[in-house]
Amino acid sequence: MRNRLTHEERIAFEAELEALQEEHRDLDAAIAALQAAGGADQLQVQRLKKRKLALRDRVTWLEDALTPDIIA
């Protein structure tokens, strides 16, 4: 990736980051609710957790892209 983001790219990345973080929190709540209900479909829980991990990877990538490189 280039060293510098355009203003438009930065805005798009920040918007995507916010949406993904919200989805991540929502998945967390859904997983907790399924597990608390007891007798939860373990396959569904596993799929939600996998999606949550994928979101975390994308969030990390976006955060790295938005953080300027500091040359020490």
Protein backbone atom coordinates (compact mmCIF):
# COMPACT_ATOMS: atom_id res chain seq x y z
CA MET A 1 0.00 0.00 0.00
CA ARG A 2 1.10 3.55 -0.63
CA ASN A 3 2.46 5.51 2.29
CA ARG A 4 -0.22 8.19 2.13
CA LEU A 5 -3.98 7.97 1.85
CA THR A 6 -6.03 10.55 0.04
CA HIS A 7 -8.64 12.43 2.03
CA GLU A 8 -11.39 10.43 0.34
CA GLU A 9 -9.67 7.10 1.08
CA ARG A 10 -9.21 8.09 4.73
CA ILE A 11 -12.91 8.97 5.05
CA ALA A 12 -13.94 5.69 3.38
CA PHE A 13 -11.59 3.64 5.59
CA GLU A 14 -12.84 5.36 8.75
CA ALA A 15 -16.48 4.74 7.77
CA GLU A 16 -15.77 1.08 7.00
CA LEU A 17 -13.86 0.72 10.26
CA GLU A 18 -16.77 2.12 12.27
CA ALA A 19 -19.27 -0.17 10.52
CA LEU A 20 -17.10 -3.25 11.05
CA GLN A 21 -16.54 -2.45 14.72
CA GLU A 22 -20.30 -2.14 15.19
CA GLU A 23 -20.90 -5.45 13.42
CA HIS A 24 -18.20 -7.06 15.60
CA ARG A 25 -19.98 -5.85 18.76
CA ASP A 26 -23.31 -7.09 17.41
CA LEU A 27 -21.85 -10.53 16.71
CA ASP A 28 -20.44 -10.61 20.22
CA ALA A 29 -23.90 -9.95 21.63
CA ALA A 30 -25.52 -12.53 19.33
CA ILE A 31 -23.01 -15.20 20.30
CA ALA A 32 -23.50 -14.47 24.00
CA ALA A 33 -27.29 -14.60 23.62
CA LEU A 34 -27.17 -17.92 21.78
CA GLN A 35 -24.89 -19.45 24.38
CA ALA A 36 -26.95 -18.09 27.28
CA ALA A 37 -30.14 -19.55 25.81
CA GLY A 38 -28.68 -23.01 26.20
CA GLY A 39 -28.95 -25.73 23.61
CA ALA A 40 -27.59 -23.31 21.03
CA ASP A 41 -26.83 -24.60 17.58
CA GLN A 42 -23.06 -25.04 17.88
CA LEU A 43 -22.59 -24.85 14.12
CA GLN A 44 -24.28 -21.45 14.05
CA VAL A 45 -22.18 -20.24 16.98
CA GLN A 46 -19.04 -21.48 15.24
CA ARG A 47 -19.98 -19.61 12.02
CA LEU A 48 -20.62 -16.41 13.95
CA LYS A 49 -17.27 -16.72 15.70
CA LYS A 50 -15.52 -17.28 12.36
CA ARG A 51 -17.19 -14.16 10.93
CA LYS A 52 -16.17 -12.25 14.04
CA LEU A 53 -12.53 -13.28 13.53
CA ALA A 54 -12.65 -12.20 9.88
CA LEU A 55 -14.02 -8.83 10.97
CA ARG A 56 -11.24 -8.48 13.52
CA ASP A 57 -8.64 -9.12 10.78
CA ARG A 58 -10.17 -6.45 8.54
CA VAL A 59 -10.44 -3.99 11.46
CA THR A 60 -6.76 -4.52 12.26
CA TRP A 61 -5.81 -3.98 8.60
CA LEU A 62 -7.83 -0.75 8.44
CA GLU A 63 -6.38 0.53 11.71
CA ASP A 64 -2.87 -0.14 10.39
CA ALA A 65 -3.67 1.64 7.14
CA LEU A 66 -5.00 4.67 9.01
CA THR A 67 -2.03 4.88 11.37
CA PRO A 68 0.82 6.89 9.88
CA ASP A 69 4.21 5.25 9.69
CA ILE A 70 6.64 6.70 12.19
CA ILE A 71 10.28 6.47 11.26
CA ALA A 72 12.33 6.13 14.41
